[in-house]
N, C-alpha and C. Protein backbone atom coordinates (compact mmCIF):
# COMPACT_ATOMS: atom_id res chain seq x y z
N MET A 1 -18.85 -25.95 -8.04
CA MET A 1 -18.74 -24.69 -7.33
C MET A 1 -19.80 -23.71 -7.86
N LEU A 2 -20.40 -23.02 -6.96
CA LEU A 2 -21.41 -22.03 -7.33
C LEU A 2 -20.77 -20.74 -7.82
N ASN A 3 -21.45 -20.05 -8.69
CA ASN A 3 -20.98 -18.75 -9.16
C ASN A 3 -21.70 -17.61 -8.45
N VAL A 4 -22.47 -17.97 -7.44
CA VAL A 4 -23.20 -16.96 -6.66
C VAL A 4 -22.97 -17.24 -5.17
N ASN A 5 -23.26 -16.26 -4.36
CA ASN A 5 -23.23 -16.45 -2.91
C ASN A 5 -24.63 -16.77 -2.43
N ARG A 6 -24.70 -17.55 -1.36
CA ARG A 6 -25.99 -17.82 -0.72
C ARG A 6 -25.92 -17.24 0.68
N LEU A 7 -27.02 -16.64 1.12
CA LEU A 7 -27.07 -15.96 2.41
C LEU A 7 -28.01 -16.70 3.35
N GLY A 8 -27.52 -17.01 4.54
CA GLY A 8 -28.33 -17.61 5.59
C GLY A 8 -28.32 -16.70 6.80
N LEU A 9 -29.50 -16.46 7.36
CA LEU A 9 -29.61 -15.59 8.53
C LEU A 9 -30.17 -16.38 9.69
N VAL A 10 -29.53 -16.27 10.85
CA VAL A 10 -30.00 -16.93 12.06
C VAL A 10 -30.23 -15.84 13.10
N VAL A 11 -31.50 -15.67 13.46
CA VAL A 11 -31.88 -14.68 14.48
C VAL A 11 -32.72 -15.42 15.51
N PRO A 12 -32.08 -15.99 16.53
CA PRO A 12 -32.82 -16.82 17.49
C PRO A 12 -33.73 -16.00 18.40
N LYS A 13 -34.82 -16.65 18.81
CA LYS A 13 -35.78 -16.01 19.71
C LYS A 13 -35.14 -15.70 21.06
N LYS A 14 -34.17 -16.49 21.45
CA LYS A 14 -33.49 -16.28 22.72
C LYS A 14 -32.72 -14.95 22.72
N ALA A 15 -32.20 -14.57 21.55
CA ALA A 15 -31.42 -13.33 21.45
C ALA A 15 -32.30 -12.12 21.18
N VAL A 16 -33.34 -12.30 20.36
CA VAL A 16 -34.24 -11.21 19.99
C VAL A 16 -35.66 -11.67 20.27
N LYS A 17 -36.22 -11.21 21.36
CA LYS A 17 -37.49 -11.74 21.87
C LYS A 17 -38.70 -11.48 20.97
N LEU A 18 -38.88 -10.25 20.53
CA LEU A 18 -40.07 -9.90 19.77
C LEU A 18 -39.95 -10.31 18.30
N ALA A 19 -41.01 -10.91 17.78
CA ALA A 19 -41.02 -11.35 16.38
C ALA A 19 -40.82 -10.17 15.43
N THR A 20 -41.40 -9.04 15.76
CA THR A 20 -41.24 -7.87 14.88
C THR A 20 -39.78 -7.41 14.84
N ALA A 21 -39.10 -7.49 15.97
CA ALA A 21 -37.69 -7.11 16.02
C ALA A 21 -36.84 -8.13 15.26
N ARG A 22 -37.19 -9.43 15.38
CA ARG A 22 -36.45 -10.46 14.63
C ARG A 22 -36.61 -10.24 13.13
N ASN A 23 -37.85 -9.97 12.71
CA ASN A 23 -38.11 -9.76 11.28
C ASN A 23 -37.43 -8.49 10.76
N ALA A 24 -37.45 -7.44 11.55
CA ALA A 24 -36.78 -6.20 11.15
C ALA A 24 -35.27 -6.42 11.03
N THR A 25 -34.71 -7.18 11.96
CA THR A 25 -33.28 -7.49 11.91
C THR A 25 -32.95 -8.24 10.63
N LYS A 26 -33.77 -9.22 10.28
CA LYS A 26 -33.55 -9.97 9.04
C LYS A 26 -33.68 -9.07 7.81
N ARG A 27 -34.68 -8.19 7.82
CA ARG A 27 -34.86 -7.28 6.69
C ARG A 27 -33.66 -6.35 6.52
N PHE A 28 -33.15 -5.81 7.63
CA PHE A 28 -31.97 -4.95 7.56
C PHE A 28 -30.78 -5.70 6.98
N LEU A 29 -30.56 -6.93 7.42
CA LEU A 29 -29.42 -7.71 6.94
C LEU A 29 -29.58 -8.08 5.46
N LYS A 30 -30.78 -8.47 5.05
CA LYS A 30 -31.01 -8.80 3.64
C LYS A 30 -30.75 -7.58 2.75
N GLU A 31 -31.24 -6.43 3.17
CA GLU A 31 -31.05 -5.22 2.39
C GLU A 31 -29.57 -4.82 2.35
N ALA A 32 -28.89 -4.92 3.47
CA ALA A 32 -27.46 -4.60 3.51
C ALA A 32 -26.68 -5.53 2.58
N TYR A 33 -27.04 -6.81 2.58
CA TYR A 33 -26.37 -7.75 1.68
C TYR A 33 -26.67 -7.39 0.22
N ARG A 34 -27.93 -7.09 -0.08
CA ARG A 34 -28.31 -6.75 -1.44
C ARG A 34 -27.53 -5.54 -1.95
N LEU A 35 -27.38 -4.53 -1.10
CA LEU A 35 -26.67 -3.31 -1.50
C LEU A 35 -25.17 -3.53 -1.68
N ASN A 36 -24.61 -4.54 -1.01
CA ASN A 36 -23.15 -4.72 -1.01
C ASN A 36 -22.69 -6.02 -1.64
N LYS A 37 -23.58 -6.78 -2.27
CA LYS A 37 -23.18 -8.09 -2.77
C LYS A 37 -22.16 -8.02 -3.91
N ALA A 38 -22.07 -6.91 -4.59
CA ALA A 38 -21.08 -6.77 -5.65
C ALA A 38 -19.65 -6.77 -5.10
N SER A 39 -19.48 -6.39 -3.84
CA SER A 39 -18.14 -6.32 -3.25
C SER A 39 -17.70 -7.64 -2.63
N ILE A 40 -18.55 -8.66 -2.68
CA ILE A 40 -18.22 -9.97 -2.10
C ILE A 40 -17.93 -10.94 -3.23
N LYS A 41 -16.80 -11.62 -3.15
CA LYS A 41 -16.44 -12.57 -4.19
C LYS A 41 -17.46 -13.70 -4.23
N PRO A 42 -17.80 -14.21 -5.41
CA PRO A 42 -18.83 -15.25 -5.53
C PRO A 42 -18.34 -16.63 -5.13
N GLY A 43 -19.29 -17.50 -4.80
CA GLY A 43 -18.99 -18.90 -4.53
C GLY A 43 -18.99 -19.28 -3.06
N PHE A 44 -19.60 -18.46 -2.21
CA PHE A 44 -19.60 -18.73 -0.78
C PHE A 44 -21.00 -18.87 -0.23
N ASP A 45 -21.15 -19.69 0.79
CA ASP A 45 -22.36 -19.73 1.60
C ASP A 45 -22.08 -18.86 2.81
N ILE A 46 -22.82 -17.80 2.97
CA ILE A 46 -22.60 -16.84 4.05
C ILE A 46 -23.70 -17.03 5.08
N ILE A 47 -23.30 -17.29 6.32
CA ILE A 47 -24.26 -17.45 7.40
C ILE A 47 -23.97 -16.37 8.44
N ILE A 48 -24.98 -15.60 8.77
CA ILE A 48 -24.85 -14.54 9.77
C ILE A 48 -25.71 -14.93 10.96
N TYR A 49 -25.07 -15.06 12.12
CA TYR A 49 -25.75 -15.39 13.38
C TYR A 49 -25.82 -14.11 14.20
N VAL A 50 -27.02 -13.71 14.55
CA VAL A 50 -27.24 -12.45 15.25
C VAL A 50 -27.44 -12.71 16.74
N ASN A 51 -26.70 -11.94 17.57
CA ASN A 51 -26.81 -12.06 19.02
C ASN A 51 -27.72 -11.02 19.65
N ASN A 52 -27.98 -9.93 18.94
CA ASN A 52 -28.87 -8.90 19.48
C ASN A 52 -29.55 -8.14 18.34
N VAL A 53 -30.46 -7.28 18.67
CA VAL A 53 -31.26 -6.56 17.69
C VAL A 53 -30.39 -5.58 16.90
N ILE A 54 -30.60 -5.54 15.60
CA ILE A 54 -29.94 -4.56 14.76
C ILE A 54 -30.96 -3.47 14.50
N MET A 55 -30.63 -2.26 14.90
CA MET A 55 -31.62 -1.19 14.89
C MET A 55 -31.62 -0.34 13.63
N SER A 56 -30.62 -0.50 12.77
CA SER A 56 -30.59 0.35 11.58
C SER A 56 -29.91 -0.36 10.42
N LEU A 57 -30.16 0.13 9.23
CA LEU A 57 -29.51 -0.40 8.04
C LEU A 57 -28.01 -0.17 8.11
N LYS A 58 -27.60 0.94 8.70
CA LYS A 58 -26.17 1.25 8.83
C LYS A 58 -25.46 0.18 9.67
N ASP A 59 -26.06 -0.24 10.76
CA ASP A 59 -25.48 -1.30 11.59
C ASP A 59 -25.40 -2.62 10.82
N ALA A 60 -26.44 -2.92 10.06
CA ALA A 60 -26.47 -4.15 9.27
C ALA A 60 -25.38 -4.13 8.20
N GLU A 61 -25.18 -2.98 7.57
CA GLU A 61 -24.14 -2.87 6.54
C GLU A 61 -22.76 -3.09 7.14
N LYS A 62 -22.52 -2.61 8.36
CA LYS A 62 -21.23 -2.85 9.02
C LYS A 62 -20.98 -4.34 9.19
N ILE A 63 -22.01 -5.08 9.58
CA ILE A 63 -21.87 -6.52 9.78
C ILE A 63 -21.58 -7.21 8.45
N VAL A 64 -22.33 -6.87 7.42
CA VAL A 64 -22.15 -7.50 6.11
C VAL A 64 -20.78 -7.15 5.53
N LEU A 65 -20.39 -5.90 5.59
CA LEU A 65 -19.10 -5.49 5.03
C LEU A 65 -17.93 -6.07 5.80
N ASN A 66 -18.07 -6.22 7.10
CA ASN A 66 -17.02 -6.84 7.90
C ASN A 66 -16.82 -8.29 7.47
N GLY A 67 -17.91 -9.00 7.27
CA GLY A 67 -17.83 -10.37 6.78
C GLY A 67 -17.29 -10.44 5.37
N ALA A 68 -17.68 -9.49 4.52
CA ALA A 68 -17.20 -9.48 3.13
C ALA A 68 -15.71 -9.25 3.07
N SER A 69 -15.19 -8.39 3.91
CA SER A 69 -13.74 -8.14 3.90
C SER A 69 -12.99 -9.39 4.34
N GLY A 70 -13.56 -10.15 5.28
CA GLY A 70 -12.93 -11.40 5.69
C GLY A 70 -12.91 -12.42 4.57
N ILE A 71 -14.02 -12.53 3.83
CA ILE A 71 -14.08 -13.46 2.70
C ILE A 71 -13.09 -13.05 1.63
N ASN A 72 -13.04 -11.77 1.30
CA ASN A 72 -12.14 -11.30 0.25
C ASN A 72 -10.68 -11.50 0.63
N LYS A 73 -10.33 -11.31 1.90
CA LYS A 73 -8.94 -11.57 2.36
C LYS A 73 -8.62 -13.04 2.24
N TYR A 74 -9.57 -13.90 2.61
CA TYR A 74 -9.40 -15.34 2.54
C TYR A 74 -9.14 -15.79 1.10
N VAL A 75 -9.89 -15.25 0.17
CA VAL A 75 -9.74 -15.61 -1.24
C VAL A 75 -8.45 -15.04 -1.80
N SER A 76 -8.09 -13.82 -1.43
CA SER A 76 -6.88 -13.19 -1.99
C SER A 76 -5.62 -13.91 -1.53
N LYS A 77 -5.67 -14.65 -0.42
CA LYS A 77 -4.51 -15.42 0.02
C LYS A 77 -4.33 -16.69 -0.80
N GLY A 78 -5.31 -16.98 -1.65
CA GLY A 78 -5.22 -18.15 -2.50
C GLY A 78 -5.68 -19.42 -1.82
N VAL A 79 -6.44 -19.31 -0.73
CA VAL A 79 -6.89 -20.47 0.00
C VAL A 79 -7.94 -21.22 -0.80
N LYS A 80 -8.78 -20.51 -1.52
CA LYS A 80 -9.84 -21.19 -2.28
C LYS A 80 -9.40 -21.44 -3.70
């Protein structure tokens, strides 16, 4: 078991047409994860699949924190 989380980002060209928008979306998500990784329990592979462009760091943080709360609930139930 890993003692760290791994982050995978999927931003398909079909969902986000422009390469600059895809890259910006990935940068926002990476930064949001970096700022909030202390609140996510370790030992998970986290994959975020994006369906549309994320226009701000605030939107990216909502996505990351929503996923983090799901992971923390899952672990607190004793499933892992």
